Amino acid sequence: MNAFIEAHRARRRFSTDDLLALRALGITQTEAGRRLGVTQSAVAARLQAEGLSWPQARPRLDAEDFARLWNCHSIPTAEIARALGVTRQAISDRAQRMGLPSRAKLRKTLIRRDELRELWLAGVSLRDIARHFGLASPSCVTHAARNAGLPRRQRSRGGKTRGGWVGTISMAEFADQRLAALMDEQVRGRAA
């Protein structure tokens, strides 16, 4: 048991020169701690005791640029996190600290219920509706439709249906139907 403790203590000892050599590699404090066999806290404590600093390994983003990225729904939070070298939760935490609205609330404002209702009842495919509103996936459309109190769609038992749903049309077909209805309305208006 004593040999184990000695081996553990020997592994935990590191010099300031070791730390400076790792700092020059441009790695994070956590990675430096991993290589030295200590925690990131031990590395940070040594840096503070020696009056040293550790350069930021990931790019810093000012508040204005971060807010712009956060409000752009075409870029997923996971992609923002990957680019900045942090976790997705760190991105969400920063947005919350900055007082930015949650992306879920922002997404709700992107969906206009009257337009969703029209597209849903016309039978436009979920994928096309999601693309139209700039949503991440078709399941977001289903969730929004449920929240809007729209009726469930019926699944087909087989045959030639779009995505397995009964009566599903594409956005282009919907636009054609809408245009035909407007043209018909104009013709009736002229005839009257």
C-alpha atoms as a PDB file:
ATOM      1  CA  MET A   1       0.000   0.000   0.000  1.00  0.00           C
ATOM      2  CA  ASN A   2       2.851   2.369   0.826  1.00  0.00           C
ATOM      3  CA  ALA A   3       4.424   1.778  -2.596  1.00  0.00           C
ATOM      4  CA  PHE A   4       1.135   2.683  -4.252  1.00  0.00           C
ATOM      5  CA  ILE A   5       0.928   5.993  -2.371  1.00  0.00           C
ATOM      6  CA  GLU A   6       4.544   6.814  -3.225  1.00  0.00           C
ATOM      7  CA  ALA A   7       3.954   6.033  -6.902  1.00  0.00           C
ATOM      8  CA  HIS A   8       0.837   8.197  -6.858  1.00  0.00           C
ATOM      9  CA  ARG A   9       2.671  11.117  -5.242  1.00  0.00           C
ATOM     10  CA  ALA A  10       5.577  10.769  -7.670  1.00  0.00           C
ATOM     11  CA  ARG A  11       3.164  10.932 -10.584  1.00  0.00           C
ATOM     12  CA  ARG A  12       1.510  14.048  -9.134  1.00  0.00           C
ATOM     13  CA  ARG A  13       4.771  15.970  -8.830  1.00  0.00           C
ATOM     14  CA  PHE A  14       5.540  18.236 -11.740  1.00  0.00           C
ATOM     15  CA  SER A  15       7.852  21.163 -12.206  1.00  0.00           C
ATOM     16  CA  THR A  16       7.082  24.612 -13.495  1.00  0.00           C
ATOM     17  CA  ASP A  17       9.399  23.846 -16.422  1.00  0.00           C
ATOM     18  CA  ASP A  18       7.205  20.843 -17.310  1.00  0.00           C
ATOM     19  CA  LEU A  19       4.192  23.126 -17.229  1.00  0.00           C
ATOM     20  CA  LEU A  20       5.859  25.796 -19.386  1.00  0.00           C
ATOM     21  CA  ALA A  21       6.862  23.168 -21.948  1.00  0.00           C
ATOM     22  CA  LEU A  22       3.251  21.995 -22.208  1.00  0.00           C
ATOM     23  CA  ARG A  23       1.974  25.579 -22.377  1.00  0.00           C
ATOM     24  CA  ALA A  24       4.209  26.156 -25.402  1.00  0.00           C
ATOM     25  CA  LEU A  25       2.421  23.310 -27.206  1.00  0.00           C
ATOM     26  CA  GLY A  26      -0.798  25.356 -27.217  1.00  0.00           C
ATOM     27  CA  ILE A  27      -2.898  22.703 -25.491  1.00  0.00           C
ATOM     28  CA  THR A  28      -5.591  23.280 -22.881  1.00  0.00           C
ATOM     29  CA  GLN A  29      -4.969  23.218 -19.137  1.00  0.00           C
ATOM     30  CA  THR A  30      -7.087  20.071 -18.930  1.00  0.00           C
ATOM     31  CA  GLU A  31      -4.916  18.300 -21.510  1.00  0.00           C
ATOM     32  CA  ALA A  32      -1.751  19.486 -19.721  1.00  0.00           C
ATOM     33  CA  GLY A  33      -3.113  18.074 -16.467  1.00  0.00           C
ATOM     34  CA  ARG A  34      -3.912  14.782 -18.182  1.00  0.00           C
ATOM     35  CA  ARG A  35      -0.345  14.526 -19.494  1.00  0.00           C
ATOM     36  CA  LEU A  36       1.112  15.358 -16.089  1.00  0.00           C
ATOM     37  CA  GLY A  37      -1.219  12.984 -14.227  1.00  0.00           C
ATOM     38  CA  VAL A  38      -2.940  15.766 -12.280  1.00  0.00           C
ATOM     39  CA  THR A  39      -6.215  17.636 -12.482  1.00  0.00           C
ATOM     40  CA  GLN A  40      -6.848  20.881 -14.334  1.00  0.00           C
ATOM     41  CA  SER A  41      -7.321  22.506 -10.913  1.00  0.00           C
ATOM     42  CA  ALA A  42      -3.770  21.505  -9.912  1.00  0.00           C
ATOM     43  CA  VAL A  43      -2.428  23.057 -13.119  1.00  0.00           C
ATOM     44  CA  ALA A  44      -4.438  26.258 -12.516  1.00  0.00           C
ATOM     45  CA  ALA A  45      -3.253  26.433  -8.885  1.00  0.00           C
ATOM     46  CA  ARG A  46       0.402  26.105  -9.949  1.00  0.00           C
ATOM     47  CA  LEU A  47      -0.055  28.801 -12.608  1.00  0.00           C
ATOM     48  CA  GLN A  48      -1.599  31.146 -10.054  1.00  0.00           C
ATOM     49  CA  ALA A  49       1.117  30.411  -7.474  1.00  0.00           C
ATOM     50  CA  GLU A  50       3.829  31.131 -10.052  1.00  0.00           C
ATOM     51  CA  GLY A  51       2.044  34.219 -11.418  1.00  0.00           C
ATOM     52  CA  LEU A  52       1.773  32.671 -14.887  1.00  0.00           C
ATOM     53  CA  SER A  53      -1.072  32.747 -17.383  1.00  0.00           C
ATOM     54  CA  TRP A  54      -2.302  30.180 -19.891  1.00  0.00           C
ATOM     55  CA  PRO A  55      -3.262  31.334 -23.382  1.00  0.00           C
ATOM     56  CA  GLN A  56      -6.772  30.635 -24.621  1.00  0.00           C
ATOM     57  CA  ALA A  57      -6.684  27.515 -26.783  1.00  0.00           C
ATOM     58  CA  ARG A  58     -10.049  28.230 -28.370  1.00  0.00           C
ATOM     59  CA  PRO A  59     -11.093  31.320 -30.280  1.00  0.00           C
ATOM     60  CA  ARG A  60     -12.868  34.005 -28.265  1.00  0.00           C
ATOM     61  CA  LEU A  61     -16.068  35.462 -29.612  1.00  0.00           C
ATOM     62  CA  ASP A  62     -17.333  38.879 -28.591  1.00  0.00           C
ATOM     63  CA  ALA A  63     -20.887  39.182 -27.269  1.00  0.00           C
ATOM     64  CA  GLU A  64     -22.292  40.758 -30.435  1.00  0.00           C
ATOM     65  CA  ASP A  65     -20.968  37.998 -32.722  1.00  0.00           C
ATOM     66  CA  PHE A  66     -22.075  35.318 -30.269  1.00  0.00           C
ATOM     67  CA  ALA A  67     -25.611  36.749 -30.159  1.00  0.00           C
ATOM     68  CA  ARG A  68     -25.698  36.825 -33.961  1.00  0.00           C
ATOM     69  CA  LEU A  69     -24.662  33.147 -34.114  1.00  0.00           C
ATOM     70  CA  TRP A  70     -27.143  32.191 -31.392  1.00  0.00           C
ATOM     71  CA  ASN A  71     -30.032  33.859 -33.227  1.00  0.00           C
ATOM     72  CA  CYS A  72     -29.135  32.226 -36.560  1.00  0.00           C
ATOM     73  CA  HIS A  73     -31.160  29.010 -36.581  1.00  0.00           C
ATOM     74  CA  SER A  74     -29.481  27.630 -39.672  1.00  0.00           C
ATOM     75  CA  ILE A  75     -26.393  26.918 -37.518  1.00  0.00           C
ATOM     76  CA  PRO A  76     -27.009  24.221 -34.875  1.00  0.00           C
ATOM     77  CA  THR A  77     -25.671  24.788 -31.353  1.00  0.00           C
ATOM     78  CA  ALA A  78     -23.548  21.642 -31.693  1.00  0.00           C
ATOM     79  CA  GLU A  79     -21.766  23.188 -34.684  1.00  0.00           C
ATOM     80  CA  ILE A  80     -21.178  26.485 -32.829  1.00  0.00           C
ATOM     81  CA  ALA A  81     -19.792  24.516 -29.870  1.00  0.00           C
ATOM     82  CA  ARG A  82     -17.483  22.475 -32.111  1.00  0.00           C
ATOM     83  CA  ALA A  83     -16.109  25.626 -33.767  1.00  0.00           C
ATOM     84  CA  LEU A  84     -15.408  27.255 -30.401  1.00  0.00           C
ATOM     85  CA  GLY A  85     -14.005  24.106 -28.806  1.00  0.00           C
ATOM     86  CA  VAL A  86     -16.605  23.881 -26.044  1.00  0.00           C
ATOM     87  CA  THR A  87     -19.635  21.742 -25.265  1.00  0.00           C
ATOM     88  CA  ARG A  88     -23.142  22.448 -26.515  1.00  0.00           C
ATOM     89  CA  GLN A  89     -24.183  23.063 -22.907  1.00  0.00           C
ATOM     90  CA  ALA A  90     -21.444  25.713 -22.530  1.00  0.00           C
ATOM     91  CA  ILE A  91     -22.952  27.540 -25.512  1.00  0.00           C
ATOM     92  CA  SER A  92     -26.434  27.409 -23.968  1.00  0.00           C
ATOM     93  CA  ASP A  93     -25.071  28.554 -20.593  1.00  0.00           C
ATOM     94  CA  ARG A  94     -23.329  31.551 -22.168  1.00  0.00           C
ATOM     95  CA  ALA A  95     -26.509  32.525 -24.006  1.00  0.00           C
ATOM     96  CA  GLN A  96     -28.460  32.329 -20.762  1.00  0.00           C
ATOM     97  CA  ARG A  97     -25.838  34.424 -18.895  1.00  0.00           C
ATOM     98  CA  MET A  98     -26.045  37.020 -21.668  1.00  0.00           C
ATOM     99  CA  GLY A  99     -29.833  37.130 -21.284  1.00  0.00           C
ATOM    100  CA  LEU A 100     -30.507  35.818 -24.798  1.00  0.00           C
ATOM    101  CA  PRO A 101     -33.859  34.074 -25.295  1.00  0.00           C
ATOM    102  CA  SER A 102     -33.806  30.300 -25.554  1.00  0.00           C
ATOM    103  CA  ARG A 103     -33.644  28.909 -29.061  1.00  0.00           C
ATOM    104  CA  ALA A 104     -36.906  27.054 -28.436  1.00  0.00           C
ATOM    105  CA  LYS A 105     -38.682  30.378 -27.810  1.00  0.00           C
ATOM    106  CA  LEU A 106     -37.073  31.890 -30.888  1.00  0.00           C
ATOM    107  CA  ARG A 107     -38.118  28.874 -32.959  1.00  0.00           C
ATOM    108  CA  LYS A 108     -41.731  29.293 -31.834  1.00  0.00           C
ATOM    109  CA  THR A 109     -41.763  32.800 -33.259  1.00  0.00           C
ATOM    110  CA  LEU A 110     -40.452  31.502 -36.597  1.00  0.00           C
ATOM    111  CA  ILE A 111     -43.574  29.405 -37.073  1.00  0.00           C
ATOM    112  CA  ARG A 112     -46.614  31.432 -37.979  1.00  0.00           C
ATOM    113  CA  ARG A 113     -49.575  29.371 -36.781  1.00  0.00           C
ATOM    114  CA  ASP A 114     -51.947  30.523 -39.514  1.00  0.00           C
ATOM    115  CA  GLU A 115     -49.455  29.547 -42.205  1.00  0.00           C
ATOM    116  CA  LEU A 116     -48.638  26.262 -40.440  1.00  0.00           C
ATOM    117  CA  ARG A 117     -52.359  25.475 -40.250  1.00  0.00           C
ATOM    118  CA  GLU A 118     -52.812  26.130 -43.965  1.00  0.00           C
ATOM    119  CA  LEU A 119     -49.806  23.983 -44.951  1.00  0.00           C
ATOM    120  CA  TRP A 120     -50.707  21.201 -42.517  1.00  0.00           C
ATOM    121  CA  LEU A 121     -54.345  20.930 -43.591  1.00  0.00           C
ATOM    122  CA  ALA A 122     -53.351  21.055 -47.269  1.00  0.00           C
ATOM    123  CA  GLY A 123     -51.184  17.993 -46.616  1.00  0.00           C
ATOM    124  CA  VAL A 124     -47.761  19.483 -47.383  1.00  0.00           C
ATOM    125  CA  SER A 125     -44.991  17.067 -46.368  1.00  0.00           C
ATOM    126  CA  LEU A 126     -43.366  17.551 -42.980  1.00  0.00           C
ATOM    127  CA  ARG A 127     -39.933  17.809 -44.567  1.00  0.00           C
ATOM    128  CA  ASP A 128     -41.084  20.643 -46.856  1.00  0.00           C
ATOM    129  CA  ILE A 129     -42.801  22.498 -43.993  1.00  0.00           C
ATOM    130  CA  ALA A 130     -39.656  22.164 -41.857  1.00  0.00           C
ATOM    131  CA  ARG A 131     -37.535  23.512 -44.705  1.00  0.00           C
ATOM    132  CA  HIS A 132     -40.017  26.374 -45.267  1.00  0.00           C
ATOM    133  CA  PHE A 133     -39.838  27.529 -41.632  1.00  0.00           C
ATOM    134  CA  GLY A 134     -36.106  26.780 -41.263  1.00  0.00           C
ATOM    135  CA  LEU A 135     -36.627  24.101 -38.610  1.00  0.00           C
ATOM    136  CA  ALA A 136     -34.078  21.432 -37.741  1.00  0.00           C
ATOM    137  CA  SER A 137     -36.227  18.402 -38.531  1.00  0.00           C
ATOM    138  CA  PRO A 138     -39.713  17.255 -39.549  1.00  0.00           C
ATOM    139  CA  SER A 139     -40.407  16.218 -35.946  1.00  0.00           C
ATOM    140  CA  CYS A 140     -40.290  19.928 -35.001  1.00  0.00           C
ATOM    141  CA  VAL A 141     -43.229  20.454 -37.370  1.00  0.00           C
ATOM    142  CA  THR A 142     -45.197  17.629 -35.747  1.00  0.00           C
ATOM    143  CA  HIS A 143     -44.529  19.143 -32.321  1.00  0.00           C
ATOM    144  CA  ALA A 144     -45.623  22.619 -33.492  1.00  0.00           C
ATOM    145  CA  ALA A 145     -48.777  21.158 -35.074  1.00  0.00           C
ATOM    146  CA  ARG A 146     -49.634  19.354 -31.841  1.00  0.00           C
ATOM    147  CA  ASN A 147     -49.132  22.594 -29.879  1.00  0.00           C
ATOM    148  CA  ALA A 148     -51.343  24.439 -32.371  1.00  0.00           C
ATOM    149  CA  GLY A 149     -54.127  21.891 -31.850  1.00  0.00           C
ATOM    150  CA  LEU A 150     -54.043  20.598 -35.428  1.00  0.00           C
ATOM    151  CA  PRO A 151     -55.417  17.109 -36.170  1.00  0.00           C
ATOM    152  CA  ARG A 152     -53.051  14.161 -36.442  1.00  0.00           C
ATOM    153  CA  ARG A 153     -52.117  12.923 -39.882  1.00  0.00           C
ATOM    154  CA  GLN A 154     -52.988   9.408 -40.989  1.00  0.00           C
ATOM    155  CA  ARG A 155     -50.383   6.806 -41.909  1.00  0.00           C
ATOM    156  CA  SER A 156     -50.862   4.659 -44.983  1.00  0.00           C
ATOM    157  CA  ARG A 157     -50.759   0.870 -44.875  1.00  0.00           C
ATOM    158  CA  GLY A 158     -48.625   0.858 -47.993  1.00  0.00           C
ATOM    159  CA  GLY A 159     -48.804   1.767 -51.629  1.00  0.00           C
ATOM    160  CA  LYS A 160     -47.684   4.938 -53.290  1.00  0.00           C
ATOM    161  CA  THR A 161     -47.678   7.632 -50.612  1.00  0.00           C
ATOM    162  CA  ARG A 162     -45.123  10.295 -49.800  1.00  0.00           C
ATOM    163  CA  GLY A 163     -43.221   9.258 -46.699  1.00  0.00           C
ATOM    164  CA  GLY A 164     -46.018   6.873 -45.673  1.00  0.00           C
ATOM    165  CA  TRP A 165     -48.545   9.651 -44.979  1.00  0.00           C
ATOM    166  CA  VAL A 166     -51.970   9.720 -46.635  1.00  0.00           C
ATOM    167  CA  GLY A 167     -52.631  12.704 -48.918  1.00  0.00           C
ATOM    168  CA  THR A 168     -49.191  14.297 -48.630  1.00  0.00           C
ATOM    169  CA  ILE A 169     -48.117  16.795 -51.286  1.00  0.00           C
ATOM    170  CA  SER A 170     -44.918  18.720 -51.914  1.00  0.00           C
ATOM    171  CA  MET A 171     -44.508  22.443 -51.308  1.00  0.00           C
ATOM    172  CA  ALA A 172     -44.353  22.954 -55.101  1.00  0.00           C
ATOM    173  CA  GLU A 173     -47.688  21.171 -55.539  1.00  0.00           C
ATOM    174  CA  PHE A 174     -49.175  23.321 -52.770  1.00  0.00           C
ATOM    175  CA  ALA A 175     -47.893  26.487 -54.474  1.00  0.00           C
ATOM    176  CA  ASP A 176     -49.427  25.315 -57.768  1.00  0.00           C
ATOM    177  CA  GLN A 177     -52.788  24.683 -56.072  1.00  0.00           C
ATOM    178  CA  ARG A 178     -52.686  28.069 -54.383  1.00  0.00           C
ATOM    179  CA  LEU A 179     -51.821  29.822 -57.646  1.00  0.00           C
ATOM    180  CA  ALA A 180     -54.618  27.987 -59.466  1.00  0.00           C
ATOM    181  CA  ALA A 181     -57.106  29.057 -56.767  1.00  0.00           C
ATOM    182  CA  LEU A 182     -55.981  32.707 -57.044  1.00  0.00           C
ATOM    183  CA  MET A 183     -56.248  32.626 -60.832  1.00  0.00           C
ATOM    184  CA  ASP A 184     -59.698  31.039 -60.615  1.00  0.00           C
ATOM    185  CA  GLU A 185     -60.757  33.742 -58.152  1.00  0.00           C
ATOM    186  CA  GLN A 186     -59.561  36.489 -60.511  1.00  0.00           C
ATOM    187  CA  VAL A 187     -61.397  34.939 -63.452  1.00  0.00           C
ATOM    188  CA  ARG A 188     -64.610  34.783 -61.396  1.00  0.00           C
ATOM    189  CA  GLY A 189     -64.081  38.392 -60.311  1.00  0.00           C
ATOM    190  CA  ARG A 190     -63.838  39.560 -63.918  1.00  0.00           C
ATOM    191  CA  ALA A 191     -66.885  37.555 -64.958  1.00  0.00           C
ATOM    192  CA  ALA A 192     -69.043  39.125 -62.243  1.00  0.00           C
END
